[in-house]
Amino acid sequence: MVGGGFSTDSGAFANVVMGQENFDIKRWRRPHLLQGAGQKIRLKSRGRRQVQ
């Protein structure tokens, strides 16, 4: 998911969120890279630029 916006208090901002269900941190082989153990992962990043 990607999003962004502008706030008079915070200035411009952007969000990037990546989520994966059925994740397996130990599985680095193909054909199912990092899938299969039923774990969940969510990575979130936020950037901001203050406008004056």
N, C-alpha and C. Protein backbone atom coordinates (compact mmCIF):
# COMPACT_ATOMS: atom_id res chain seq x y z
N MET A 1 0.85 -1.15 0.00
CA MET A 1 0.00 0.00 0.00
C MET A 1 0.91 1.23 0.00
N VAL A 2 0.59 2.20 -0.82
CA VAL A 2 1.35 3.43 -0.93
C VAL A 2 0.39 4.59 -0.77
N GLY A 3 0.78 5.60 0.00
CA GLY A 3 -0.09 6.75 0.19
C GLY A 3 0.73 7.97 0.53
N GLY A 4 0.06 9.10 0.57
CA GLY A 4 0.74 10.33 0.91
C GLY A 4 -0.26 11.45 1.07
N GLY A 5 0.24 12.61 1.47
CA GLY A 5 -0.65 13.74 1.65
C GLY A 5 0.11 14.97 2.09
N PHE A 6 -0.65 15.96 2.52
CA PHE A 6 -0.08 17.22 2.97
C PHE A 6 -0.86 17.71 4.17
N SER A 7 -0.15 18.17 5.17
CA SER A 7 -0.77 18.69 6.37
C SER A 7 -0.17 20.06 6.67
N THR A 8 -0.98 20.98 7.15
CA THR A 8 -0.45 22.30 7.50
C THR A 8 0.48 22.24 8.70
N ASP A 9 0.33 21.24 9.55
CA ASP A 9 1.21 21.08 10.71
C ASP A 9 2.50 20.34 10.37
N SER A 10 2.40 19.29 9.56
CA SER A 10 3.54 18.42 9.30
C SER A 10 4.19 18.61 7.94
N GLY A 11 3.54 19.28 7.01
CA GLY A 11 4.05 19.41 5.65
C GLY A 11 3.67 18.19 4.82
N ALA A 12 4.49 17.88 3.82
CA ALA A 12 4.21 16.75 2.94
C ALA A 12 4.71 15.46 3.57
N PHE A 13 3.99 14.36 3.33
CA PHE A 13 4.40 13.07 3.87
C PHE A 13 4.02 11.96 2.91
N ALA A 14 4.71 10.82 3.05
CA ALA A 14 4.44 9.64 2.23
C ALA A 14 4.51 8.40 3.12
N ASN A 15 3.68 7.41 2.82
CA ASN A 15 3.65 6.14 3.55
C ASN A 15 3.81 4.99 2.57
N VAL A 16 4.57 3.97 2.98
CA VAL A 16 4.68 2.74 2.22
C VAL A 16 4.53 1.59 3.21
N VAL A 17 3.59 0.68 2.95
CA VAL A 17 3.35 -0.47 3.83
C VAL A 17 3.34 -1.73 2.97
N MET A 18 4.10 -2.76 3.41
CA MET A 18 4.11 -4.05 2.73
C MET A 18 3.76 -5.11 3.76
N GLY A 19 2.76 -5.93 3.47
CA GLY A 19 2.36 -7.00 4.37
C GLY A 19 2.37 -8.34 3.67
N GLN A 20 2.73 -9.39 4.41
CA GLN A 20 2.77 -10.74 3.84
C GLN A 20 2.21 -11.73 4.86
N GLU A 21 1.19 -12.48 4.46
CA GLU A 21 0.64 -13.56 5.27
C GLU A 21 1.35 -14.85 4.87
N ASN A 22 1.33 -15.86 5.72
CA ASN A 22 1.96 -17.15 5.45
C ASN A 22 3.44 -16.98 5.16
N PHE A 23 4.12 -16.22 5.98
CA PHE A 23 5.53 -15.87 5.82
C PHE A 23 6.41 -16.89 6.54
N ASP A 24 7.58 -17.17 5.99
CA ASP A 24 8.56 -18.05 6.63
C ASP A 24 9.94 -17.44 6.50
N ILE A 25 10.49 -16.91 7.59
CA ILE A 25 11.79 -16.23 7.57
C ILE A 25 12.93 -17.19 7.22
N LYS A 26 12.77 -18.49 7.46
CA LYS A 26 13.84 -19.46 7.21
C LYS A 26 13.87 -20.00 5.78
N ARG A 27 12.87 -19.70 4.99
CA ARG A 27 12.79 -20.29 3.65
C ARG A 27 13.30 -19.31 2.60
N TRP A 28 14.54 -19.51 2.16
CA TRP A 28 15.17 -18.62 1.17
C TRP A 28 15.27 -19.28 -0.20
N ARG A 29 14.71 -20.47 -0.38
CA ARG A 29 14.78 -21.17 -1.67
C ARG A 29 13.53 -20.91 -2.50
N ARG A 30 13.65 -21.12 -3.74
CA ARG A 30 12.50 -21.02 -4.65
C ARG A 30 11.84 -22.37 -4.74
N PRO A 31 10.66 -22.57 -5.19
CA PRO A 31 9.80 -21.64 -5.90
C PRO A 31 8.94 -20.76 -4.98
N HIS A 32 8.92 -21.04 -3.68
CA HIS A 32 8.06 -20.27 -2.78
C HIS A 32 8.93 -19.50 -1.79
N LEU A 33 9.62 -18.50 -2.27
CA LEU A 33 10.54 -17.71 -1.47
C LEU A 33 9.83 -17.06 -0.29
N LEU A 34 10.30 -17.34 0.91
CA LEU A 34 9.81 -16.75 2.17
C LEU A 34 8.32 -16.99 2.43
N GLN A 35 7.79 -18.13 1.97
CA GLN A 35 6.38 -18.44 2.22
C GLN A 35 6.26 -19.84 2.81
N GLY A 36 5.25 -20.02 3.68
CA GLY A 36 4.90 -21.36 4.07
C GLY A 36 4.79 -21.70 5.54
N ALA A 37 5.23 -20.88 6.49
CA ALA A 37 5.18 -21.28 7.90
C ALA A 37 4.01 -20.67 8.66
N GLY A 38 3.19 -19.88 8.00
CA GLY A 38 2.02 -19.31 8.66
C GLY A 38 2.31 -18.07 9.49
N GLN A 39 3.52 -17.56 9.46
CA GLN A 39 3.86 -16.34 10.18
C GLN A 39 3.39 -15.14 9.39
N LYS A 40 3.36 -13.97 10.03
CA LYS A 40 2.95 -12.73 9.37
C LYS A 40 4.05 -11.70 9.53
N ILE A 41 4.22 -10.88 8.49
CA ILE A 41 5.19 -9.79 8.55
C ILE A 41 4.55 -8.54 7.98
N ARG A 42 4.91 -7.39 8.55
CA ARG A 42 4.42 -6.11 8.05
C ARG A 42 5.56 -5.11 8.18
N LEU A 43 5.96 -4.52 7.06
CA LEU A 43 7.01 -3.52 7.03
C LEU A 43 6.38 -2.17 6.71
N LYS A 44 6.75 -1.16 7.45
CA LYS A 44 6.14 0.16 7.28
C LYS A 44 7.24 1.21 7.27
N SER A 45 7.13 2.14 6.34
CA SER A 45 8.08 3.24 6.24
C SER A 45 7.31 4.54 6.04
N ARG A 46 7.80 5.60 6.66
CA ARG A 46 7.14 6.89 6.52
C ARG A 46 8.20 7.97 6.35
N GLY A 47 8.00 8.79 5.34
CA GLY A 47 8.89 9.91 5.09
C GLY A 47 8.14 11.22 5.24
N ARG A 48 8.84 12.27 5.63
CA ARG A 48 8.18 13.55 5.86
C ARG A 48 9.12 14.68 5.46
N ARG A 49 8.56 15.70 4.88
CA ARG A 49 9.32 16.89 4.55
C ARG A 49 8.55 18.08 5.08
N GLN A 50 9.18 18.80 5.99
CA GLN A 50 8.53 19.96 6.61
C GLN A 50 8.61 21.17 5.67
N VAL A 51 7.49 21.82 5.50
CA VAL A 51 7.41 23.01 4.65
C VAL A 51 7.23 24.23 5.55
N GLN A 52 8.01 25.27 5.31
CA GLN A 52 7.91 26.46 6.15
C GLN A 52 7.39 27.65 5.38
